[in-house]
Structure formats: structure tokens, C-alpha cells
Amino acid sequence: MEHDLDSAYTLLSEHFYYFGRSPMELPEHLRPIIHEGRAHKSDKNDPYVEAFVEWITSEFKPNRLYGMLCDMPQTWERVQIGGRP
């Protein structure tokens, strides 16, 4: 916890989906929300919100790690990672 909260920017949530090193491929109809480069799209993703929520809630359970943390060192310890429901 000391490491996780030792930043100027920390996201705290009671409802999340974390994919870390194992990002999931979006369905074709949601790919327009993918943004490459700098800045963000502000409200340009608004038309996709409902479809995105429907997709993620039907494919994954909330509050699980679906991939290892990006900066976590490799370890031999067994870690529980959530699979697809």
C-alpha cells in the first residue's frame, strides 16, 4: 500500500477491471474508441458508452486482476488472476 499510494496520482476504486500486461482485444464495433497519440477524445466516445458497458460486463467480472501489474517484477509465487467468467 505504501508503494501504491506513493504518487501524486493514485486511482482508488470499488469497481474496476484491471488487465495490466494482458490487454483484451476490443470487439470490432468498439474499436473507434481506441485513441493513439497524445491528448484524449473528450466526448467523442459518448456514442459507445452503452455498448462498451454491455460488452465488458458480459465478458468479465468486476474487481479482478485479469493480468499482472505492468511494473510488477516476475515472481515464482502463485498469484490469483481472474479468468473469463
PDB file of N, CA and C in Angstrom:
ATOM      1  N   MET A   1       0.832  -1.183   0.000  1.00  0.00           N
ATOM      2  CA  MET A   1       0.000   0.000   0.000  1.00  0.00           C
ATOM      3  C   MET A   1       0.881   1.253   0.000  1.00  0.00           C
ATOM      4  N   GLU A   2       1.991   1.211   0.747  1.00  0.00           N
ATOM      5  CA  GLU A   2       2.875   2.370   0.788  1.00  0.00           C
ATOM      6  C   GLU A   2       3.371   2.723  -0.612  1.00  0.00           C
ATOM      7  N   HIS A   3       3.765   1.700  -1.385  1.00  0.00           N
ATOM      8  CA  HIS A   3       4.230   1.925  -2.757  1.00  0.00           C
ATOM      9  C   HIS A   3       3.100   2.430  -3.652  1.00  0.00           C
ATOM     10  N   ASP A   4       1.909   1.814  -3.537  1.00  0.00           N
ATOM     11  CA  ASP A   4       0.783   2.172  -4.399  1.00  0.00           C
ATOM     12  C   ASP A   4       0.291   3.601  -4.172  1.00  0.00           C
ATOM     13  N   LEU A   5       0.407   4.075  -2.968  1.00  0.00           N
ATOM     14  CA  LEU A   5      -0.102   5.410  -2.649  1.00  0.00           C
ATOM     15  C   LEU A   5       1.002   6.462  -2.607  1.00  0.00           C
ATOM     16  N   ASP A   6       2.190   6.094  -3.067  1.00  0.00           N
ATOM     17  CA  ASP A   6       3.339   6.991  -3.021  1.00  0.00           C
ATOM     18  C   ASP A   6       3.480   7.798  -4.310  1.00  0.00           C
ATOM     19  N   SER A   7       2.393   8.262  -4.848  1.00  0.00           N
ATOM     20  CA  SER A   7       2.411   9.005  -6.096  1.00  0.00           C
ATOM     21  C   SER A   7       1.482  10.204  -5.973  1.00  0.00           C
ATOM     22  N   ALA A   8       1.721  11.173  -6.813  1.00  0.00           N
ATOM     23  CA  ALA A   8       0.821  12.329  -6.837  1.00  0.00           C
ATOM     24  C   ALA A   8      -0.540  11.946  -7.407  1.00  0.00           C
ATOM     25  N   TYR A   9      -0.552  10.865  -8.202  1.00  0.00           N
ATOM     26  CA  TYR A   9      -1.794  10.424  -8.851  1.00  0.00           C
ATOM     27  C   TYR A   9      -2.031   8.953  -8.548  1.00  0.00           C
ATOM     28  N   THR A  10      -3.076   8.665  -7.810  1.00  0.00           N
ATOM     29  CA  THR A  10      -3.428   7.301  -7.465  1.00  0.00           C
ATOM     30  C   THR A  10      -4.912   7.124  -7.703  1.00  0.00           C
ATOM     31  N   LEU A  11      -5.278   6.077  -8.405  1.00  0.00           N
ATOM     32  CA  LEU A  11      -6.682   5.791  -8.668  1.00  0.00           C
ATOM     33  C   LEU A  11      -7.197   4.804  -7.629  1.00  0.00           C
ATOM     34  N   LEU A  12      -8.226   5.188  -6.927  1.00  0.00           N
ATOM     35  CA  LEU A  12      -8.877   4.318  -5.953  1.00  0.00           C
ATOM     36  C   LEU A  12     -10.276   4.036  -6.459  1.00  0.00           C
ATOM     37  N   SER A  13     -10.669   2.774  -6.420  1.00  0.00           N
ATOM     38  CA  SER A  13     -11.973   2.421  -6.962  1.00  0.00           C
ATOM     39  C   SER A  13     -12.549   1.204  -6.260  1.00  0.00           C
ATOM     40  N   GLU A  14     -13.857   1.161  -6.175  1.00  0.00           N
ATOM     41  CA  GLU A  14     -14.548  -0.014  -5.668  1.00  0.00           C
ATOM     42  C   GLU A  14     -15.155  -0.827  -6.807  1.00  0.00           C
ATOM     43  N   HIS A  15     -14.923  -0.374  -8.043  1.00  0.00           N
ATOM     44  CA  HIS A  15     -15.452  -1.082  -9.215  1.00  0.00           C
ATOM     45  C   HIS A  15     -14.453  -0.888 -10.353  1.00  0.00           C
ATOM     46  N   PHE A  16     -13.751  -1.969 -10.709  1.00  0.00           N
ATOM     47  CA  PHE A  16     -12.711  -1.847 -11.728  1.00  0.00           C
ATOM     48  C   PHE A  16     -12.539  -3.155 -12.491  1.00  0.00           C
ATOM     49  N   TYR A  17     -11.861  -3.065 -13.606  1.00  0.00           N
ATOM     50  CA  TYR A  17     -11.397  -4.196 -14.410  1.00  0.00           C
ATOM     51  C   TYR A  17      -9.940  -3.884 -14.719  1.00  0.00           C
ATOM     52  N   TYR A  18      -9.006  -4.729 -14.293  1.00  0.00           N
ATOM     53  CA  TYR A  18      -7.595  -4.437 -14.500  1.00  0.00           C
ATOM     54  C   TYR A  18      -6.972  -5.503 -15.390  1.00  0.00           C
ATOM     55  N   PHE A  19      -6.437  -5.083 -16.541  1.00  0.00           N
ATOM     56  CA  PHE A  19      -5.855  -6.026 -17.491  1.00  0.00           C
ATOM     57  C   PHE A  19      -4.335  -5.964 -17.531  1.00  0.00           C
ATOM     58  N   GLY A  20      -3.731  -4.909 -16.997  1.00  0.00           N
ATOM     59  CA  GLY A  20      -2.284  -4.821 -16.882  1.00  0.00           C
ATOM     60  C   GLY A  20      -1.538  -5.217 -18.135  1.00  0.00           C
ATOM     61  N   ARG A  21      -0.674  -6.226 -18.004  1.00  0.00           N
ATOM     62  CA  ARG A  21       0.139  -6.706 -19.126  1.00  0.00           C
ATOM     63  C   ARG A  21      -0.655  -7.546 -20.125  1.00  0.00           C
ATOM     64  N   SER A  22      -1.917  -7.806 -19.845  1.00  0.00           N
ATOM     65  CA  SER A  22      -2.722  -8.695 -20.694  1.00  0.00           C
ATOM     66  C   SER A  22      -3.961  -7.986 -21.229  1.00  0.00           C
ATOM     67  N   PRO A  23      -3.789  -6.964 -22.047  1.00  0.00           N
ATOM     68  CA  PRO A  23      -4.968  -6.249 -22.543  1.00  0.00           C
ATOM     69  C   PRO A  23      -5.852  -7.146 -23.400  1.00  0.00           C
ATOM     70  N   MET A  24      -7.139  -6.916 -23.341  1.00  0.00           N
ATOM     71  CA  MET A  24      -8.095  -7.679 -24.139  1.00  0.00           C
ATOM     72  C   MET A  24      -8.378  -6.938 -25.436  1.00  0.00           C
ATOM     73  N   GLU A  25      -8.579  -7.687 -26.474  1.00  0.00           N
ATOM     74  CA  GLU A  25      -8.916  -7.073 -27.760  1.00  0.00           C
ATOM     75  C   GLU A  25     -10.380  -6.655 -27.743  1.00  0.00           C
ATOM     76  N   LEU A  26     -10.625  -5.427 -28.147  1.00  0.00           N
ATOM     77  CA  LEU A  26     -11.999  -4.938 -28.217  1.00  0.00           C
ATOM     78  C   LEU A  26     -12.704  -5.529 -29.430  1.00  0.00           C
ATOM     79  N   PRO A  27     -14.012  -5.753 -29.311  1.00  0.00           N
ATOM     80  CA  PRO A  27     -14.768  -6.169 -30.489  1.00  0.00           C
ATOM     81  C   PRO A  27     -14.694  -5.084 -31.565  1.00  0.00           C
ATOM     82  N   GLU A  28     -14.862  -5.473 -32.778  1.00  0.00           N
ATOM     83  CA  GLU A  28     -14.749  -4.559 -33.923  1.00  0.00           C
ATOM     84  C   GLU A  28     -15.606  -3.302 -33.750  1.00  0.00           C
ATOM     85  N   HIS A  29     -16.840  -3.452 -33.272  1.00  0.00           N
ATOM     86  CA  HIS A  29     -17.746  -2.307 -33.168  1.00  0.00           C
ATOM     87  C   HIS A  29     -17.325  -1.289 -32.098  1.00  0.00           C
ATOM     88  N   LEU A  30     -16.364  -1.654 -31.224  1.00  0.00           N
ATOM     89  CA  LEU A  30     -15.893  -0.729 -30.197  1.00  0.00           C
ATOM     90  C   LEU A  30     -14.516  -0.146 -30.502  1.00  0.00           C
ATOM     91  N   ARG A  31     -13.905  -0.557 -31.578  1.00  0.00           N
ATOM     92  CA  ARG A  31     -12.546  -0.097 -31.879  1.00  0.00           C
ATOM     93  C   ARG A  31     -12.416   1.393 -32.156  1.00  0.00           C
ATOM     94  N   PRO A  32     -13.456   2.095 -32.557  1.00  0.00           N
ATOM     95  CA  PRO A  32     -13.304   3.551 -32.718  1.00  0.00           C
ATOM     96  C   PRO A  32     -12.949   4.285 -31.424  1.00  0.00           C
ATOM     97  N   ILE A  33     -13.140   3.654 -30.269  1.00  0.00           N
ATOM     98  CA  ILE A  33     -12.784   4.334 -29.015  1.00  0.00           C
ATOM     99  C   ILE A  33     -11.277   4.283 -28.752  1.00  0.00           C
ATOM    100  N   ILE A  34     -10.545   3.477 -29.490  1.00  0.00           N
ATOM    101  CA  ILE A  34      -9.098   3.389 -29.301  1.00  0.00           C
ATOM    102  C   ILE A  34      -8.462   4.670 -29.813  1.00  0.00           C
ATOM    103  N   HIS A  35      -7.701   5.291 -28.948  1.00  0.00           N
ATOM    104  CA  HIS A  35      -7.049   6.551 -29.306  1.00  0.00           C
ATOM    105  C   HIS A  35      -5.544   6.354 -29.285  1.00  0.00           C
ATOM    106  N   GLU A  36      -4.893   6.729 -30.332  1.00  0.00           N
ATOM    107  CA  GLU A  36      -3.438   6.647 -30.395  1.00  0.00           C
ATOM    108  C   GLU A  36      -2.877   8.053 -30.393  1.00  0.00           C
ATOM    109  N   GLY A  37      -1.769   8.217 -29.730  1.00  0.00           N
ATOM    110  CA  GLY A  37      -1.145   9.536 -29.680  1.00  0.00           C
ATOM    111  C   GLY A  37      -1.515  10.292 -28.426  1.00  0.00           C
ATOM    112  N   ARG A  38      -1.188  11.557 -28.433  1.00  0.00           N
ATOM    113  CA  ARG A  38      -1.404  12.407 -27.264  1.00  0.00           C
ATOM    114  C   ARG A  38      -2.841  12.898 -27.168  1.00  0.00           C
ATOM    115  N   ALA A  39      -3.134  13.423 -25.990  1.00  0.00           N
ATOM    116  CA  ALA A  39      -4.428  14.022 -25.675  1.00  0.00           C
ATOM    117  C   ALA A  39      -5.515  12.958 -25.554  1.00  0.00           C
ATOM    118  N   HIS A  40      -6.718  13.380 -25.354  1.00  0.00           N
ATOM    119  CA  HIS A  40      -7.840  12.456 -25.248  1.00  0.00           C
ATOM    120  C   HIS A  40      -8.983  12.965 -26.118  1.00  0.00           C
ATOM    121  N   LYS A  41      -9.990  12.130 -26.249  1.00  0.00           N
ATOM    122  CA  LYS A  41     -11.072  12.441 -27.180  1.00  0.00           C
ATOM    123  C   LYS A  41     -12.249  13.178 -26.543  1.00  0.00           C
ATOM    124  N   SER A  42     -12.189  13.472 -25.275  1.00  0.00           N
ATOM    125  CA  SER A  42     -13.262  14.122 -24.533  1.00  0.00           C
ATOM    126  C   SER A  42     -14.589  13.394 -24.727  1.00  0.00           C
ATOM    127  N   ASP A  43     -15.534  13.981 -25.425  1.00  0.00           N
ATOM    128  CA  ASP A  43     -16.868  13.378 -25.548  1.00  0.00           C
ATOM    129  C   ASP A  43     -17.060  12.558 -26.832  1.00  0.00           C
ATOM    130  N   LYS A  44     -16.016  12.330 -27.586  1.00  0.00           N
ATOM    131  CA  LYS A  44     -16.161  11.590 -28.843  1.00  0.00           C
ATOM    132  C   LYS A  44     -16.497  10.119 -28.627  1.00  0.00           C
ATOM    133  N   ASN A  45     -16.280   9.610 -27.422  1.00  0.00           N
ATOM    134  CA  ASN A  45     -16.619   8.212 -27.131  1.00  0.00           C
ATOM    135  C   ASN A  45     -18.033   8.052 -26.587  1.00  0.00           C
ATOM    136  N   ASP A  46     -18.728   9.150 -26.359  1.00  0.00           N
ATOM    137  CA  ASP A  46     -20.072   9.083 -25.793  1.00  0.00           C
ATOM    138  C   ASP A  46     -21.001   8.096 -26.509  1.00  0.00           C
ATOM    139  N   PRO A  47     -21.001   8.013 -27.831  1.00  0.00           N
ATOM    140  CA  PRO A  47     -21.911   7.076 -28.503  1.00  0.00           C
ATOM    141  C   PRO A  47     -21.596   5.603 -28.221  1.00  0.00           C
ATOM    142  N   TYR A  48     -20.420   5.326 -27.664  1.00  0.00           N
ATOM    143  CA  TYR A  48     -20.003   3.938 -27.440  1.00  0.00           C
ATOM    144  C   TYR A  48     -20.142   3.487 -25.990  1.00  0.00           C
ATOM    145  N   VAL A  49     -20.516   4.371 -25.092  1.00  0.00           N
ATOM    146  CA  VAL A  49     -20.547   4.046 -23.670  1.00  0.00           C
ATOM    147  C   VAL A  49     -21.450   2.854 -23.383  1.00  0.00           C
ATOM    148  N   GLU A  50     -22.659   2.887 -23.845  1.00  0.00           N
ATOM    149  CA  GLU A  50     -23.615   1.816 -23.557  1.00  0.00           C
ATOM    150  C   GLU A  50     -23.130   0.471 -24.108  1.00  0.00           C
ATOM    151  N   ALA A  51     -22.637   0.454 -25.329  1.00  0.00           N
ATOM    152  CA  ALA A  51     -22.136  -0.785 -25.941  1.00  0.00           C
ATOM    153  C   ALA A  51     -20.892  -1.297 -25.208  1.00  0.00           C
ATOM    154  N   PHE A  52     -20.019  -0.379 -24.763  1.00  0.00           N
ATOM    155  CA  PHE A  52     -18.824  -0.786 -24.034  1.00  0.00           C
ATOM    156  C   PHE A  52     -19.192  -1.410 -22.699  1.00  0.00           C
ATOM    157  N   VAL A  53     -20.086  -0.773 -21.957  1.00  0.00           N
ATOM    158  CA  VAL A  53     -20.515  -1.299 -20.657  1.00  0.00           C
ATOM    159  C   VAL A  53     -21.169  -2.671 -20.844  1.00  0.00           C
ATOM    160  N   GLU A  54     -21.989  -2.808 -21.849  1.00  0.00           N
ATOM    161  CA  GLU A  54     -22.629  -4.105 -22.126  1.00  0.00           C
ATOM    162  C   GLU A  54     -21.580  -5.179 -22.413  1.00  0.00           C
ATOM    163  N   TRP A  55     -20.585  -4.844 -23.220  1.00  0.00           N
ATOM    164  CA  TRP A  55     -19.530  -5.803 -23.566  1.00  0.00           C
ATOM    165  C   TRP A  55     -18.705  -6.200 -22.341  1.00  0.00           C
ATOM    166  N   ILE A  56     -18.194  -5.219 -21.613  1.00  0.00           N
ATOM    167  CA  ILE A  56     -17.280  -5.552 -20.508  1.00  0.00           C
ATOM    168  C   ILE A  56     -18.000  -6.288 -19.381  1.00  0.00           C
ATOM    169  N   THR A  57     -19.242  -5.933 -19.107  1.00  0.00           N
ATOM    170  CA  THR A  57     -19.960  -6.613 -18.029  1.00  0.00           C
ATOM    171  C   THR A  57     -20.422  -8.008 -18.427  1.00  0.00           C
ATOM    172  N   SER A  58     -20.541  -8.272 -19.725  1.00  0.00           N
ATOM    173  CA  SER A  58     -20.932  -9.621 -20.155  1.00  0.00           C
ATOM    174  C   SER A  58     -19.726 -10.558 -20.276  1.00  0.00           C
ATOM    175  N   GLU A  59     -18.535  -9.994 -20.441  1.00  0.00           N
ATOM    176  CA  GLU A  59     -17.324 -10.799 -20.623  1.00  0.00           C
ATOM    177  C   GLU A  59     -16.483 -10.970 -19.362  1.00  0.00           C
ATOM    178  N   PHE A  60     -16.560 -10.019 -18.436  1.00  0.00           N
ATOM    179  CA  PHE A  60     -15.662 -10.008 -17.289  1.00  0.00           C
ATOM    180  C   PHE A  60     -16.397  -9.665 -16.010  1.00  0.00           C
ATOM    181  N   LYS A  61     -15.890 -10.191 -14.900  1.00  0.00           N
ATOM    182  CA  LYS A  61     -16.422  -9.842 -13.585  1.00  0.00           C
ATOM    183  C   LYS A  61     -15.640  -8.638 -13.065  1.00  0.00           C
ATOM    184  N   PRO A  62     -16.300  -7.713 -12.380  1.00  0.00           N
ATOM    185  CA  PRO A  62     -15.591  -6.535 -11.865  1.00  0.00           C
ATOM    186  C   PRO A  62     -14.702  -6.891 -10.673  1.00  0.00           C
ATOM    187  N   ASN A  63     -13.789  -5.974 -10.361  1.00  0.00           N
ATOM    188  CA  ASN A  63     -12.923  -6.046  -9.186  1.00  0.00           C
ATOM    189  C   ASN A  63     -11.987  -7.252  -9.207  1.00  0.00           C
ATOM    190  N   ARG A  64     -11.442  -7.525 -10.392  1.00  0.00           N
ATOM    191  CA  ARG A  64     -10.486  -8.615 -10.546  1.00  0.00           C
ATOM    192  C   ARG A  64      -9.287  -8.156 -11.352  1.00  0.00           C
ATOM    193  N   LEU A  65      -8.166  -8.828 -11.108  1.00  0.00           N
ATOM    194  CA  LEU A  65      -6.982  -8.636 -11.935  1.00  0.00           C
ATOM    195  C   LEU A  65      -7.034  -9.683 -13.033  1.00  0.00           C
ATOM    196  N   TYR A  66      -7.051  -9.247 -14.269  1.00  0.00           N
ATOM    197  CA  TYR A  66      -7.043 -10.167 -15.402  1.00  0.00           C
ATOM    198  C   TYR A  66      -5.647 -10.274 -16.015  1.00  0.00           C
ATOM    199  N   GLY A  67      -4.708  -9.543 -15.485  1.00  0.00           N
ATOM    200  CA  GLY A  67      -3.325  -9.590 -15.935  1.00  0.00           C
ATOM    201  C   GLY A  67      -2.426  -9.070 -14.841  1.00  0.00           C
ATOM    202  N   MET A  68      -1.156  -9.397 -14.926  1.00  0.00           N
ATOM    203  CA  MET A  68      -0.189  -8.925 -13.948  1.00  0.00           C
ATOM    204  C   MET A  68      -0.008  -7.417 -14.086  1.00  0.00           C
ATOM    205  N   LEU A  69       0.329  -6.778 -12.984  1.00  0.00           N
ATOM    206  CA  LEU A  69       0.594  -5.353 -12.996  1.00  0.00           C
ATOM    207  C   LEU A  69       1.759  -5.071 -13.939  1.00  0.00           C
ATOM    208  N   CYS A  70       1.696  -3.982 -14.636  1.00  0.00           N
ATOM    209  CA  CYS A  70       2.701  -3.653 -15.645  1.00  0.00           C
ATOM    210  C   CYS A  70       4.111  -3.561 -15.084  1.00  0.00           C
ATOM    211  N   ASP A  71       4.293  -2.999 -13.908  1.00  0.00           N
ATOM    212  CA  ASP A  71       5.642  -2.849 -13.373  1.00  0.00           C
ATOM    213  C   ASP A  71       5.979  -3.849 -12.275  1.00  0.00           C
ATOM    214  N   MET A  72       5.190  -4.899 -12.159  1.00  0.00           N
ATOM    215  CA  MET A  72       5.433  -5.900 -11.125  1.00  0.00           C
ATOM    216  C   MET A  72       6.548  -6.836 -11.570  1.00  0.00           C
ATOM    217  N   PRO A  73       7.549  -7.058 -10.709  1.00  0.00           N
ATOM    218  CA  PRO A  73       8.627  -7.968 -11.090  1.00  0.00           C
ATOM    219  C   PRO A  73       8.135  -9.401 -11.199  1.00  0.00           C
ATOM    220  N   GLN A  74       8.792 -10.172 -12.032  1.00  0.00           N
ATOM    221  CA  GLN A  74       8.441 -11.582 -12.170  1.00  0.00           C
ATOM    222  C   GLN A  74       8.674 -12.283 -10.837  1.00  0.00           C
ATOM    223  N   THR A  75       7.820 -13.207 -10.477  1.00  0.00           N
ATOM    224  CA  THR A  75       7.935 -13.920  -9.218  1.00  0.00           C
ATOM    225  C   THR A  75       7.495 -15.361  -9.407  1.00  0.00           C
ATOM    226  N   TRP A  76       7.959 -16.215  -8.561  1.00  0.00           N
ATOM    227  CA  TRP A  76       7.550 -17.622  -8.602  1.00  0.00           C
ATOM    228  C   TRP A  76       6.371 -17.874  -7.690  1.00  0.00           C
ATOM    229  N   GLU A  77       5.939 -16.855  -6.957  1.00  0.00           N
ATOM    230  CA  GLU A  77       4.806 -17.034  -6.074  1.00  0.00           C
ATOM    231  C   GLU A  77       3.539 -17.181  -6.902  1.00  0.00           C
ATOM    232  N   ARG A  78       2.629 -17.966  -6.384  1.00  0.00           N
ATOM    233  CA  ARG A  78       1.355 -18.148  -7.074  1.00  0.00           C
ATOM    234  C   ARG A  78       0.481 -16.927  -6.833  1.00  0.00           C
ATOM    235  N   VAL A  79      -0.028 -16.371  -7.897  1.00  0.00           N
ATOM    236  CA  VAL A  79      -0.875 -15.184  -7.816  1.00  0.00           C
ATOM    237  C   VAL A  79      -2.218 -15.527  -8.437  1.00  0.00           C
ATOM    238  N   GLN A  80      -3.305 -15.178  -7.785  1.00  0.00           N
ATOM    239  CA  GLN A  80      -4.638 -15.450  -8.312  1.00  0.00           C
ATOM    240  C   GLN A  80      -5.012 -14.385  -9.326  1.00  0.00           C
ATOM    241  N   ILE A  81      -5.196 -14.794 -10.564  1.00  0.00           N
ATOM    242  CA  ILE A  81      -5.599 -13.885 -11.636  1.00  0.00           C
ATOM    243  C   ILE A  81      -6.990 -14.334 -12.086  1.00  0.00           C
ATOM    244  N   GLY A  82      -7.905 -13.392 -12.229  1.00  0.00           N
ATOM    245  CA  GLY A  82      -9.257 -13.728 -12.644  1.00  0.00           C
ATOM    246  C   GLY A  82      -9.294 -14.062 -14.127  1.00  0.00           C
ATOM    247  N   GLY A  83      -9.931 -15.167 -14.487  1.00  0.00           N
ATOM    248  CA  GLY A  83     -10.125 -15.525 -15.879  1.00  0.00           C
ATOM    249  C   GLY A  83     -11.475 -15.053 -16.343  1.00  0.00           C
ATOM    250  N   ARG A  84     -11.782 -15.374 -17.546  1.00  0.00           N
ATOM    251  CA  ARG A  84     -13.116 -15.026 -18.027  1.00  0.00           C
ATOM    252  C   ARG A  84     -14.148 -15.819 -17.234  1.00  0.00           C
ATOM    253  N   PRO A  85     -15.299 -15.218 -16.927  1.00  0.00           N
ATOM    254  CA  PRO A  85     -16.315 -15.945 -16.162  1.00  0.00           C
ATOM    255  C   PRO A  85     -16.859 -17.140 -16.911  1.00  0.00           C
TER     256      PRO A  85
END
